[in-house]
Protein backbone atom coordinates (compact mmCIF):
# COMPACT_ATOMS: atom_id res chain seq x y z
CA UNK A 1 -90.91 27.71 -104.29
CA UNK A 2 -89.99 25.87 -107.22
CA UNK A 3 -87.78 22.31 -106.65
CA UNK A 4 -84.64 24.24 -107.42
CA UNK A 5 -85.10 27.13 -104.91
CA UNK A 6 -86.31 24.67 -102.11
CA UNK A 7 -83.24 22.27 -102.98
CA UNK A 8 -80.89 25.48 -103.34
CA UNK A 9 -81.85 26.19 -99.56
CA UNK A 10 -81.68 22.59 -98.00
CA UNK A 11 -77.73 22.94 -99.18
CA UNK A 12 -77.53 24.91 -96.49
CA UNK A 13 -76.90 22.74 -93.03
CA UNK A 14 -79.06 24.77 -91.05
CA UNK A 15 -81.95 24.04 -93.28
CA UNK A 16 -81.34 20.71 -93.75
CA UNK A 17 -81.29 19.97 -90.08
CA UNK A 18 -84.63 21.90 -89.98
CA UNK A 19 -86.22 19.57 -92.51
CA UNK A 20 -84.69 16.25 -91.07
CA UNK A 21 -85.82 17.29 -87.94
CA UNK A 22 -89.53 18.49 -89.35
CA UNK A 23 -89.95 15.50 -91.06
CA UNK A 24 -88.95 12.84 -88.04
CA UNK A 25 -91.90 14.32 -86.35
CA UNK A 26 -93.81 14.18 -88.72
CA UNK A 27 -93.33 10.40 -89.19
CA UNK A 28 -93.66 9.72 -85.50
CA UNK A 29 -97.37 11.23 -85.84
CA UNK A 30 -98.31 9.64 -88.94
CA UNK A 31 -97.84 6.18 -90.16
CA UNK A 32 -99.90 6.51 -93.62
CA UNK A 33 -97.80 9.58 -95.09
CA UNK A 34 -94.15 8.88 -93.84
CA UNK A 35 -92.88 9.76 -97.25
CA UNK A 36 -94.64 13.10 -97.21
CA UNK A 37 -97.13 12.27 -100.14
CA UNK A 38 -100.95 11.66 -100.52
CA UNK A 39 -100.80 7.44 -100.80
CA UNK A 40 -101.16 6.64 -104.83
CA UNK A 41 -105.38 5.65 -105.65
CA UNK A 42 -106.14 2.27 -106.73
CA UNK A 43 -103.52 0.18 -105.37
CA UNK A 44 -105.65 -1.95 -103.50
CA UNK A 45 -105.03 -5.35 -104.73
CA UNK A 46 -102.39 -4.52 -106.86
CA UNK A 47 -99.13 -6.70 -107.43
CA UNK A 48 -96.06 -5.22 -108.11
CA UNK A 49 -93.15 -7.40 -109.17
CA UNK A 50 -89.93 -5.54 -108.01
CA UNK A 51 -86.42 -6.56 -109.59
CA UNK A 52 -83.45 -6.51 -107.24
CA UNK A 53 -79.80 -8.15 -106.13
CA UNK A 54 -80.02 -11.70 -105.43
CA UNK A 55 -78.56 -10.53 -101.75
CA UNK A 56 -79.81 -9.30 -98.51
CA UNK A 57 -78.76 -6.05 -99.34
CA UNK A 58 -81.38 -3.93 -100.62
CA UNK A 59 -83.81 -7.13 -101.40
CA UNK A 60 -84.06 -7.82 -97.37
CA UNK A 61 -85.51 -4.19 -97.23
CA UNK A 62 -87.28 -4.43 -100.57
CA UNK A 63 -89.53 -7.55 -98.71
CA UNK A 64 -89.93 -5.65 -95.45
CA UNK A 65 -91.20 -2.74 -96.90
CA UNK A 66 -93.21 -4.65 -99.51
CA UNK A 67 -95.27 -6.49 -96.21
CA UNK A 68 -95.28 -3.32 -94.60
CA UNK A 69 -96.78 -1.13 -97.78
CA UNK A 70 -99.03 -4.39 -98.24
CA UNK A 71 -100.44 -3.85 -94.65
CA UNK A 72 -101.33 0.08 -95.17
CA UNK A 73 -101.71 0.80 -98.73
CA UNK A 74 -103.17 -2.85 -99.32
CA UNK A 75 -100.88 -3.95 -102.63
CA UNK A 76 -98.88 -6.79 -102.81
CA UNK A 77 -95.10 -6.84 -103.71
CA UNK A 78 -93.61 -9.95 -105.24
CA UNK A 79 -89.38 -9.86 -105.07
CA UNK A 80 -87.69 -11.00 -108.03
CA UNK A 81 -83.98 -11.82 -106.86
CA UNK A 82 -81.25 -11.41 -109.52
CA UNK A 83 -77.58 -12.59 -109.07
CA UNK A 84 -75.77 -9.24 -109.03
CA UNK A 85 -73.34 -10.77 -112.09
CA UNK A 86 -76.88 -10.61 -114.37
CA UNK A 87 -78.95 -7.88 -112.72
CA UNK A 88 -77.93 -5.37 -115.34
CA UNK A 89 -78.32 -7.91 -118.27
CA UNK A 90 -82.06 -8.96 -116.68
CA UNK A 91 -83.21 -5.31 -116.15
CA UNK A 92 -82.27 -3.99 -119.54
CA UNK A 93 -83.67 -7.14 -121.13
CA UNK A 94 -87.12 -6.21 -118.94
CA UNK A 95 -86.48 -2.45 -120.04
CA UNK A 96 -86.31 -2.91 -124.15
CA UNK A 97 -88.61 -6.26 -124.40
CA UNK A 98 -92.34 -6.26 -125.41
CA UNK A 99 -93.07 -7.88 -121.67
CA UNK A 100 -93.23 -5.84 -118.56
CA UNK A 101 -91.35 -7.87 -116.36
CA UNK A 102 -91.01 -5.54 -113.41
CA UNK A 103 -93.00 -2.76 -111.92
CA UNK A 104 -90.28 -1.66 -109.66
CA UNK A 105 -86.08 -1.70 -110.61
CA UNK A 106 -83.60 -1.07 -108.17
CA UNK A 107 -80.41 -0.37 -110.07
CA UNK A 108 -76.83 0.99 -109.88
CA UNK A 109 -76.39 5.14 -110.44
CA UNK A 110 -73.54 4.17 -113.27
CA UNK A 111 -76.49 2.21 -115.33
CA UNK A 112 -78.73 5.33 -115.66
CA UNK A 113 -77.27 6.74 -119.21
CA UNK A 114 -78.46 2.83 -120.65
CA UNK A 115 -81.59 3.18 -118.36
CA UNK A 116 -82.81 6.31 -118.73
CA UNK A 117 -84.59 6.39 -121.89
CA UNK A 118 -86.73 3.62 -121.02
CA UNK A 119 -87.59 5.06 -117.29
CA UNK A 120 -90.69 7.10 -116.55
CA UNK A 121 -90.03 10.38 -115.28
CA UNK A 122 -90.83 11.07 -111.73
CA UNK A 123 -94.26 12.94 -111.05
CA UNK A 124 -94.37 16.50 -110.96
CA UNK A 125 -96.47 15.67 -107.42
CA UNK A 126 -93.52 13.38 -106.28
CA UNK A 127 -90.77 15.56 -107.89
CA UNK A 128 -92.00 18.75 -105.89
CA UNK A 129 -92.41 16.49 -102.50
CA UNK A 130 -90.49 18.13 -99.48
CA UNK A 131 -88.79 14.77 -98.14
CA UNK A 132 -86.34 15.28 -100.87
CA UNK A 133 -84.92 18.13 -99.30
CA UNK A 134 -84.04 15.38 -96.96
CA UNK A 135 -81.55 13.78 -98.89
CA UNK A 136 -78.11 14.76 -99.36
CA UNK A 137 -77.68 17.01 -102.61
CA UNK A 138 -74.57 14.57 -103.59
CA UNK A 139 -77.09 11.94 -104.03
CA UNK A 140 -80.10 14.06 -104.83
CA UNK A 141 -79.08 16.42 -107.49
CA UNK A 142 -76.74 14.64 -109.03
CA UNK A 143 -77.82 11.21 -108.89
CA UNK A 144 -81.64 11.10 -109.31
CA UNK A 145 -81.66 12.68 -112.77
CA UNK A 146 -80.61 12.05 -115.72
CA UNK A 147 -80.82 14.36 -118.76
CA UNK A 148 -82.71 16.95 -117.30
CA UNK A 149 -85.31 14.44 -115.93
CA UNK A 150 -85.73 13.21 -112.35
CA UNK A 151 -86.11 9.38 -113.20
CA UNK A 152 -84.56 7.54 -109.93
CA UNK A 153 -85.31 7.75 -106.05
CA UNK A 154 -81.45 7.30 -103.86
CA UNK A 155 -82.56 4.68 -101.41
CA UNK A 156 -79.20 4.24 -100.40
CA UNK A 157 -75.65 6.51 -99.67
CA UNK A 158 -72.47 4.75 -101.08
CA UNK A 159 -69.23 6.59 -99.89
CA UNK A 160 -66.06 4.33 -99.43
CA UNK A 161 -64.71 4.85 -95.78
CA UNK A 162 -61.66 2.94 -93.88
CA UNK A 163 -62.16 1.05 -90.74
CA UNK A 164 -59.18 0.04 -88.04
CA UNK A 165 -58.81 -1.57 -85.31
CA UNK A 166 -58.87 0.61 -82.00
CA UNK A 167 -57.37 -2.28 -80.10
CA UNK A 168 -54.90 -2.84 -81.91
CA UNK A 169 -53.69 0.85 -82.89
CA UNK A 170 -53.82 1.83 -79.07
CA UNK A 171 -51.98 -0.75 -78.00
CA UNK A 172 -48.60 0.26 -76.08
CA UNK A 173 -46.45 -2.42 -77.22
CA UNK A 174 -47.92 -1.50 -81.15
CA UNK A 175 -47.43 2.17 -80.85
CA UNK A 176 -44.25 2.17 -79.67
CA UNK A 177 -42.99 -0.51 -81.79
CA UNK A 178 -44.02 1.68 -84.82
CA UNK A 179 -43.09 4.65 -83.57
CA UNK A 180 -39.35 3.04 -83.11
CA UNK A 181 -39.84 1.63 -87.11
CA UNK A 182 -41.33 4.70 -88.73
CA UNK A 183 -40.53 8.18 -86.32
CA UNK A 184 -44.11 8.81 -86.15
CA UNK A 185 -47.03 8.13 -83.71
CA UNK A 186 -49.37 5.09 -85.03
CA UNK A 187 -52.98 6.89 -86.20
CA UNK A 188 -55.22 6.27 -89.10
CA UNK A 189 -53.99 7.02 -92.27
CA UNK A 190 -54.13 10.19 -93.88
CA UNK A 191 -52.83 9.08 -97.51
CA UNK A 192 -52.02 5.93 -99.09
CA UNK A 193 -48.69 5.91 -98.48
CA UNK A 194 -49.35 5.94 -95.04
CA UNK A 195 -52.18 3.39 -95.57
CA UNK A 196 -49.55 0.76 -96.96
CA UNK A 197 -47.36 1.29 -94.43
CA UNK A 198 -49.69 0.74 -91.04
CA UNK A 199 -50.86 -2.36 -93.56
CA UNK A 200 -47.09 -3.52 -93.97
CA UNK A 201 -46.23 -2.95 -90.33
CA UNK A 202 -49.41 -5.25 -88.71
CA UNK A 203 -48.86 -8.07 -91.23
CA UNK A 204 -47.31 -10.67 -89.21
CA UNK A 205 -48.19 -9.34 -85.67
CA UNK A 206 -50.05 -11.41 -83.30
CA UNK A 207 -53.62 -10.10 -82.13
CA UNK A 208 -54.97 -10.43 -78.24
CA UNK A 209 -56.77 -13.62 -79.77
CA UNK A 210 -53.08 -15.07 -80.23
CA UNK A 211 -53.85 -15.51 -84.03
CA UNK A 212 -51.49 -13.71 -86.86
CA UNK A 213 -53.13 -10.68 -87.93
CA UNK A 214 -52.54 -8.52 -91.65
CA UNK A 215 -52.56 -5.09 -92.58
CA UNK A 216 -55.88 -4.76 -94.38
CA UNK A 217 -58.54 -6.37 -96.09
CA UNK A 218 -59.97 -5.51 -99.74
CA UNK A 219 -61.79 -7.55 -102.45
CA UNK A 220 -59.68 -8.55 -105.81
CA UNK A 221 -61.59 -11.05 -107.23
CA UNK A 222 -63.07 -10.34 -110.53
CA UNK A 223 -66.86 -9.46 -109.82
CA UNK A 224 -66.37 -9.10 -106.35
CA UNK A 225 -67.14 -5.42 -106.98
CA UNK A 226 -63.04 -4.74 -106.31
CA UNK A 227 -62.61 -2.49 -109.51
CA UNK A 228 -64.18 0.19 -106.72
CA UNK A 229 -61.17 0.15 -104.80
CA UNK A 230 -58.94 0.99 -107.39
CA UNK A 231 -61.05 3.85 -108.08
CA UNK A 232 -60.99 4.94 -105.19
CA UNK A 233 -57.05 5.03 -104.93
CA UNK A 234 -57.51 6.82 -108.18
CA UNK A 235 -59.65 9.43 -107.36
CA UNK A 236 -57.03 10.89 -104.95
CA UNK A 237 -54.21 10.60 -107.53
CA UNK A 238 -56.06 11.83 -110.56
CA UNK A 239 -58.73 14.80 -109.38
CA UNK A 240 -56.46 18.16 -109.25
CA UNK A 241 -58.00 20.96 -107.71
CA UNK A 242 -60.45 23.06 -109.11
CA UNK A 243 -60.47 20.47 -112.21
CA UNK A 244 -63.67 18.74 -112.40
CA UNK A 245 -64.15 15.56 -114.37
CA UNK A 246 -60.79 14.39 -115.05
CA UNK A 247 -60.40 10.99 -113.19
CA UNK A 248 -61.94 8.62 -116.21
CA UNK A 249 -61.63 10.92 -119.27
CA UNK A 250 -60.62 13.81 -120.77
CA UNK A 251 -63.78 16.16 -120.72
CA UNK A 252 -62.75 17.82 -124.09
CA UNK A 253 -61.75 14.79 -126.20
CA UNK A 254 -62.83 11.85 -123.88
CA UNK A 255 -59.61 10.02 -124.46
CA UNK A 256 -59.63 7.99 -121.46
CA UNK A 257 -57.23 8.47 -118.72
CA UNK A 258 -57.08 5.32 -116.92
CA UNK A 259 -53.53 4.30 -118.67
CA UNK A 260 -51.89 7.95 -117.05
CA UNK A 261 -49.11 7.80 -114.23
CA UNK A 262 -51.85 8.55 -111.55
CA UNK A 263 -53.81 5.54 -112.66
CA UNK A 264 -50.92 3.63 -112.90
CA UNK A 265 -49.80 4.20 -109.29
CA UNK A 266 -53.37 3.51 -108.11
CA UNK A 267 -53.52 -0.10 -109.83
CA UNK A 268 -49.82 -0.38 -108.47
CA UNK A 269 -50.28 0.21 -105.33
CA UNK A 270 -53.73 -2.07 -105.03
CA UNK A 271 -51.69 -4.64 -106.79
CA UNK A 272 -48.94 -4.63 -103.88
CA UNK A 273 -51.01 -4.58 -100.66
CA UNK A 274 -52.37 -8.16 -101.65
CA UNK A 275 -48.94 -8.52 -100.00
CA UNK A 276 -50.20 -7.89 -96.58
CA UNK A 277 -53.63 -9.30 -96.74
CA UNK A 278 -54.81 -12.40 -95.66
CA UNK A 279 -53.24 -15.53 -97.99
CA UNK A 280 -56.60 -16.24 -100.03
CA UNK A 281 -57.22 -12.20 -100.46
CA UNK A 282 -56.63 -12.64 -104.78
CA UNK A 283 -60.08 -14.78 -104.37
CA UNK A 284 -61.97 -12.74 -102.20
CA UNK A 285 -65.04 -10.55 -103.18
CA UNK A 286 -66.18 -8.06 -100.92
CA UNK A 287 -68.29 -11.09 -98.91
CA UNK A 288 -64.89 -12.82 -98.18
CA UNK A 289 -63.04 -9.11 -97.45
CA UNK A 290 -65.77 -7.71 -95.23
CA UNK A 291 -65.80 -11.28 -93.08
CA UNK A 292 -62.11 -11.27 -92.57
CA UNK A 293 -62.27 -7.93 -91.14
CA UNK A 294 -65.15 -8.50 -89.00
CA UNK A 295 -63.32 -12.06 -87.44
CA UNK A 296 -60.56 -9.91 -86.43
CA UNK A 297 -58.26 -11.23 -89.01
CA UNK A 298 -56.86 -7.60 -90.36
CA UNK A 299 -56.09 -4.54 -88.71
CA UNK A 300 -57.76 -2.36 -91.34
CA UNK A 301 -60.52 -2.28 -93.96
CA UNK A 302 -61.90 -0.60 -96.94
CA UNK A 303 -65.38 -1.01 -97.59
CA UNK A 304 -68.88 0.99 -98.13
CA UNK A 305 -70.95 1.82 -94.54
CA UNK A 306 -72.19 -1.91 -94.18
CA UNK A 307 -69.51 -2.62 -92.41
CA UNK A 308 -69.93 -0.07 -89.60
CA UNK A 309 -72.56 -1.66 -88.16
CA UNK A 310 -72.09 -5.33 -89.23
CA UNK A 311 -69.03 -4.74 -87.11
CA UNK A 312 -70.85 -2.99 -83.23
CA UNK A 313 -73.34 -6.61 -83.82
CA UNK A 314 -71.39 -9.17 -81.64
CA UNK A 315 -73.51 -11.94 -83.71
CA UNK A 316 -71.51 -10.65 -86.94
CA UNK A 317 -68.38 -9.85 -85.30
CA UNK A 318 -65.12 -11.01 -83.15
CA UNK A 319 -64.02 -6.69 -82.91
CA UNK A 320 -67.24 -5.34 -81.60
CA UNK A 321 -66.23 -2.27 -79.32
CA UNK A 322 -63.13 -2.31 -81.08
CA UNK A 323 -63.47 -0.42 -84.04
CA UNK A 324 -62.72 3.10 -85.57
CA UNK A 325 -63.31 4.69 -88.81
CA UNK A 326 -61.62 7.38 -91.19
CA UNK A 327 -62.10 9.22 -94.12
CA UNK A 328 -60.38 7.51 -97.03
CA UNK A 329 -56.79 8.09 -97.49
CA UNK A 330 -55.70 10.68 -99.98
CA UNK A 331 -52.17 12.06 -101.34
CA UNK A 332 -49.78 15.17 -101.31
CA UNK A 333 -49.73 15.25 -105.21
CA UNK A 334 -51.69 14.33 -108.03
CA UNK A 335 -51.54 14.03 -111.84
CA UNK A 336 -52.28 16.56 -113.70
CA UNK A 337 -53.31 15.41 -117.31
CA UNK A 338 -53.41 19.43 -118.88
CA UNK A 339 -49.75 20.08 -117.60
CA UNK A 340 -48.39 16.02 -118.04
CA UNK A 341 -46.82 16.41 -114.61
CA UNK A 342 -47.50 15.21 -110.96
CA UNK A 343 -49.03 18.34 -109.35
CA UNK A 344 -47.72 18.80 -105.33
CA UNK A 345 -50.68 19.43 -102.73
CA UNK A 346 -49.51 21.33 -99.69
CA UNK A 347 -50.68 19.85 -96.35
CA UNK A 348 -52.04 16.84 -98.45
CA UNK A 349 -55.78 15.99 -99.72
CA UNK A 350 -58.59 13.85 -98.94
CA UNK A 351 -60.38 12.62 -102.16
CA UNK A 352 -63.57 11.11 -100.61
CA UNK A 353 -65.07 8.71 -103.43
CA UNK A 354 -68.74 7.78 -104.24
CA UNK A 355 -68.17 4.57 -104.64
CA UNK A 356 -71.19 2.54 -106.76
CA UNK A 357 -72.94 5.85 -105.87
CA UNK A 358 -75.26 4.16 -103.88
CA UNK A 359 -78.87 2.33 -104.97
CA UNK A 360 -81.59 4.04 -106.99
CA UNK A 361 -84.77 2.81 -107.64
CA UNK A 362 -86.95 3.71 -110.76
CA UNK A 363 -90.52 3.01 -112.45
CA UNK A 364 -89.78 1.00 -116.25
CA UNK A 365 -91.58 3.15 -118.79
CA UNK A 366 -93.35 -0.58 -119.76
CA UNK A 367 -94.58 -0.60 -116.00
CA UNK A 368 -98.13 -1.60 -115.62
CA UNK A 369 -98.54 -0.07 -112.32
CA UNK A 370 -96.98 2.98 -112.44
CA UNK A 371 -98.93 4.76 -109.51
CA UNK A 372 -98.65 2.04 -107.34
CA UNK A 373 -94.85 1.38 -107.94
CA UNK A 374 -93.88 5.28 -107.13
CA UNK A 375 -96.10 4.75 -104.10
CA UNK A 376 -93.86 1.24 -103.40
CA UNK A 377 -90.54 3.47 -103.84
CA UNK A 378 -91.63 6.18 -101.68
CA UNK A 379 -92.77 4.16 -98.92
CA UNK A 380 -89.58 1.99 -99.17
CA UNK A 381 -87.22 5.27 -98.53
CA UNK A 382 -89.37 7.28 -96.16
CA UNK A 383 -87.59 9.10 -93.55
CA UNK A 384 -88.43 5.94 -90.84
CA UNK A 385 -88.16 3.32 -93.26
CA UNK A 386 -84.55 4.37 -93.90
CA UNK A 387 -83.60 5.42 -90.83
CA UNK A 388 -84.65 1.48 -89.61
CA UNK A 389 -82.41 0.51 -92.97
CA UNK A 390 -79.53 2.45 -92.16
CA UNK A 391 -79.05 1.04 -88.62
CA UNK A 392 -79.18 -2.54 -89.89
CA UNK A 393 -75.84 -3.71 -91.80
CA UNK A 394 -77.78 -6.19 -93.37
CA UNK A 395 -79.77 -4.21 -95.51
CA UNK A 396 -76.99 -2.70 -97.40
CA UNK A 397 -78.38 0.91 -97.12
CA UNK A 398 -75.93 3.47 -96.15
CA UNK A 399 -77.35 7.09 -94.54
CA UNK A 400 -78.13 9.04 -97.30
CA UNK A 401 -80.50 11.54 -95.33
CA UNK A 402 -79.63 14.92 -93.23
CA UNK A 403 -82.00 12.92 -90.67
CA UNK A 404 -80.08 9.85 -90.66
CA UNK A 405 -77.23 12.28 -89.52
CA UNK A 406 -79.19 14.25 -86.92
CA UNK A 407 -80.72 10.97 -85.05
CA UNK A 408 -77.63 10.49 -82.78
CA UNK A 409 -79.69 8.74 -80.46
CA UNK A 410 -80.94 5.94 -83.04
CA UNK A 411 -77.67 5.17 -83.66
CA UNK A 412 -76.20 4.45 -80.00
CA UNK A 413 -79.07 2.18 -80.21
CA UNK A 414 -76.76 -0.04 -82.19
CA UNK A 415 -73.45 1.37 -81.65
CA UNK A 416 -71.08 2.49 -78.55
CA UNK A 417 -71.43 6.50 -78.04
CA UNK A 418 -67.88 6.88 -79.48
CA UNK A 419 -68.63 4.70 -82.16
CA UNK A 420 -71.44 6.05 -83.02
CA UNK A 421 -70.34 9.74 -83.18
CA UNK A 422 -66.97 8.90 -85.19
CA UNK A 423 -69.31 6.49 -87.66
CA UNK A 424 -71.58 9.24 -88.66
CA UNK A 425 -69.01 11.75 -88.63
CA UNK A 426 -66.65 10.29 -91.15
CA UNK A 427 -69.48 9.85 -93.69
CA UNK A 428 -70.94 13.15 -93.29
CA UNK A 429 -68.13 14.46 -93.71
CA UNK A 430 -66.89 12.67 -96.81
CA UNK A 431 -70.40 13.38 -98.01
CA UNK A 432 -69.73 17.43 -97.55
CA UNK A 433 -66.18 17.49 -98.87
CA UNK A 434 -65.76 20.08 -102.01
CA UNK A 435 -63.32 17.33 -103.22
CA UNK A 436 -66.15 14.28 -103.20
CA UNK A 437 -65.43 12.43 -106.13
CA UNK A 438 -68.12 10.57 -108.50
CA UNK A 439 -68.49 7.11 -110.12
CA UNK A 440 -68.28 6.63 -113.65
CA UNK A 441 -72.10 6.87 -115.12
CA UNK A 442 -71.88 7.22 -118.73
CA UNK A 443 -73.97 4.99 -122.04
CA UNK A 444 -71.92 1.61 -122.31
CA UNK A 445 -71.24 1.25 -118.55
CA UNK A 446 -70.90 -2.00 -118.17
CA UNK A 447 -69.06 -2.45 -121.44
CA UNK A 448 -66.25 0.23 -119.78
CA UNK A 449 -66.44 -2.03 -116.74
CA UNK A 450 -65.91 -5.23 -118.20
CA UNK A 451 -62.87 -4.20 -120.34
CA UNK A 452 -61.41 -2.64 -117.23
CA UNK A 453 -61.62 -5.81 -115.07
CA UNK A 454 -60.56 -7.48 -117.67
CA UNK A 455 -56.87 -6.13 -117.53
CA UNK A 456 -57.08 -5.71 -113.90
CA UNK A 457 -57.76 -9.53 -113.61
CA UNK A 458 -54.48 -9.86 -115.68
CA UNK A 459 -52.46 -7.93 -113.81
CA UNK A 460 -53.16 -9.16 -110.77
CA UNK A 461 -52.70 -12.88 -111.87
CA UNK A 462 -49.06 -11.46 -113.28
CA UNK A 463 -49.73 -12.12 -116.36
CA UNK A 464 -48.79 -8.06 -117.83
CA UNK A 465 -47.22 -5.27 -116.12
CA UNK A 466 -49.39 -2.47 -114.83
CA UNK A 467 -48.91 0.21 -118.00
CA UNK A 468 -49.34 -2.66 -120.40
CA UNK A 469 -53.09 -3.63 -118.60
CA UNK A 470 -53.87 -0.29 -118.55
CA UNK A 471 -52.86 0.51 -121.84
CA UNK A 472 -54.89 -2.45 -123.31
CA UNK A 473 -58.20 -1.20 -120.96
CA UNK A 474 -57.68 2.28 -122.72
CA UNK A 475 -57.65 0.68 -126.29
CA UNK A 476 -60.96 -0.79 -125.60
CA UNK A 477 -62.31 2.20 -123.77
CA UNK A 478 -61.75 4.32 -126.99
CA UNK A 479 -63.48 1.59 -128.95
CA UNK A 480 -66.63 1.35 -126.67
CA UNK A 481 -66.53 5.61 -126.74
CA UNK A 482 -66.78 5.30 -130.64
CA UNK A 483 -69.63 2.87 -130.63
CA UNK A 484 -71.82 4.95 -128.98
CA UNK A 485 -70.63 8.34 -130.57
CA UNK A 486 -67.66 10.50 -129.16
CA UNK A 487 -69.67 13.83 -129.18
CA UNK A 488 -72.62 12.08 -127.43
CA UNK A 489 -70.45 10.12 -124.96
CA UNK A 490 -68.34 13.75 -124.08
CA UNK A 491 -72.12 15.68 -123.47
CA UNK A 492 -72.82 12.11 -121.54
CA UNK A 493 -69.87 12.67 -119.15
CA UNK A 494 -69.53 16.14 -118.59
CA UNK A 495 -73.23 16.77 -117.75
CA UNK A 496 -72.55 13.80 -115.52
CA UNK A 497 -69.32 15.27 -113.94
CA UNK A 498 -71.26 18.58 -113.53
CA UNK A 499 -69.62 20.40 -116.24
CA UNK A 500 -71.29 22.85 -118.46
CA UNK A 501 -71.92 21.45 -122.57
CA UNK A 502 -68.40 21.54 -124.86
CA UNK A 503 -67.91 24.45 -126.94
CA UNK A 504 -68.98 23.24 -130.61
């Protein structure tokens, strides 16, 4: 059976669950072949240098699994930690330089277009391994490949979710007050409009501990991963049903769409939600905004899956036992750039957003120890190790394998039964959604992001109106696209969004 045939079968839920169960059973009986492949030869004594961000997320499991890989296979791992704001530049310098500083790199899927020419293609013995059938296809088939080549392995699954305080939402006084004010029950939001209303309602109220509560927590500081909360909103407002690849560019002309009315609404709502956030919100990155929710200062939060497990750990959270989860809000209308009009969505629609896309691991073309490097990557991401990682909020690893969703008993070791069921349901339904939107992946990714962040910062500071700032960002995107070649960028963009090649 070919890789494509096997992956097509794995997309069916029943088959995927069987794969997950068989892999888990095999892992329980074996320690040397947990990844499903024969350990690489000549690993003994090999020293691998691993480039990763300087934060517990990903670097912690890189070290942990490095130690167990050493014990099992005899090699040794040296983890090189690089601040996230410098990670792209340091990794690119290593890929393109005459020296070979890294055997393995952990990077963002959005950098794949820039990195792919300098990465080794995955050996056939690995690409055909059945353990990849356990990886959800939204990651495996869309983010592990570039230009038809298998160049990386998913080691983390990222999708934005919502978090809320059940104790606040279920409080009878809050429920009565909300119903009187808005004429509907207090429930987790299904649209961005409801999200704003709920945030406004809770801001200024008092929590069970007598401290003031704010509506929600999101990052706003430049470089604090704030762009993904903007992109998450834009996903709901800029992806018309049945129109793929519409969010960032016109896929036929590569004209930026980041200054269209859908984006203007997304950025305006993002800017305005700061009024219902903690007082220092504009200075907060993802770490600080996450902490605000875990410390009980906000009624809601938007974040990756890390918060789910951290929130239920009393050592790290003051809201343990009180957290609920919801799929990213949606909208009852979407901007259709083809018709230049808002298009109604009967009964509304949620558009989960694969913010960032989850970390991937790759082997540079100039890596001196490629066989050992692939062996380490498979060890890092095997079923047993990855299951341990997703249960530990410190690792930054979120569910990406089918086996991560079927091991309910494992989740109940770190989450209360209700929380465990809700947490994996929200993430799984987001990944399975036919409306799930992909993040940007394009050559020049960092330049596109930097120019967008520059204008977003000016908007949040009140220096320019939303439309003016987005017009300036769009002009910069036009220049970046021209610099890389519009035809080439169009081909890359269409491929990354799952579209057929454009007509000549």
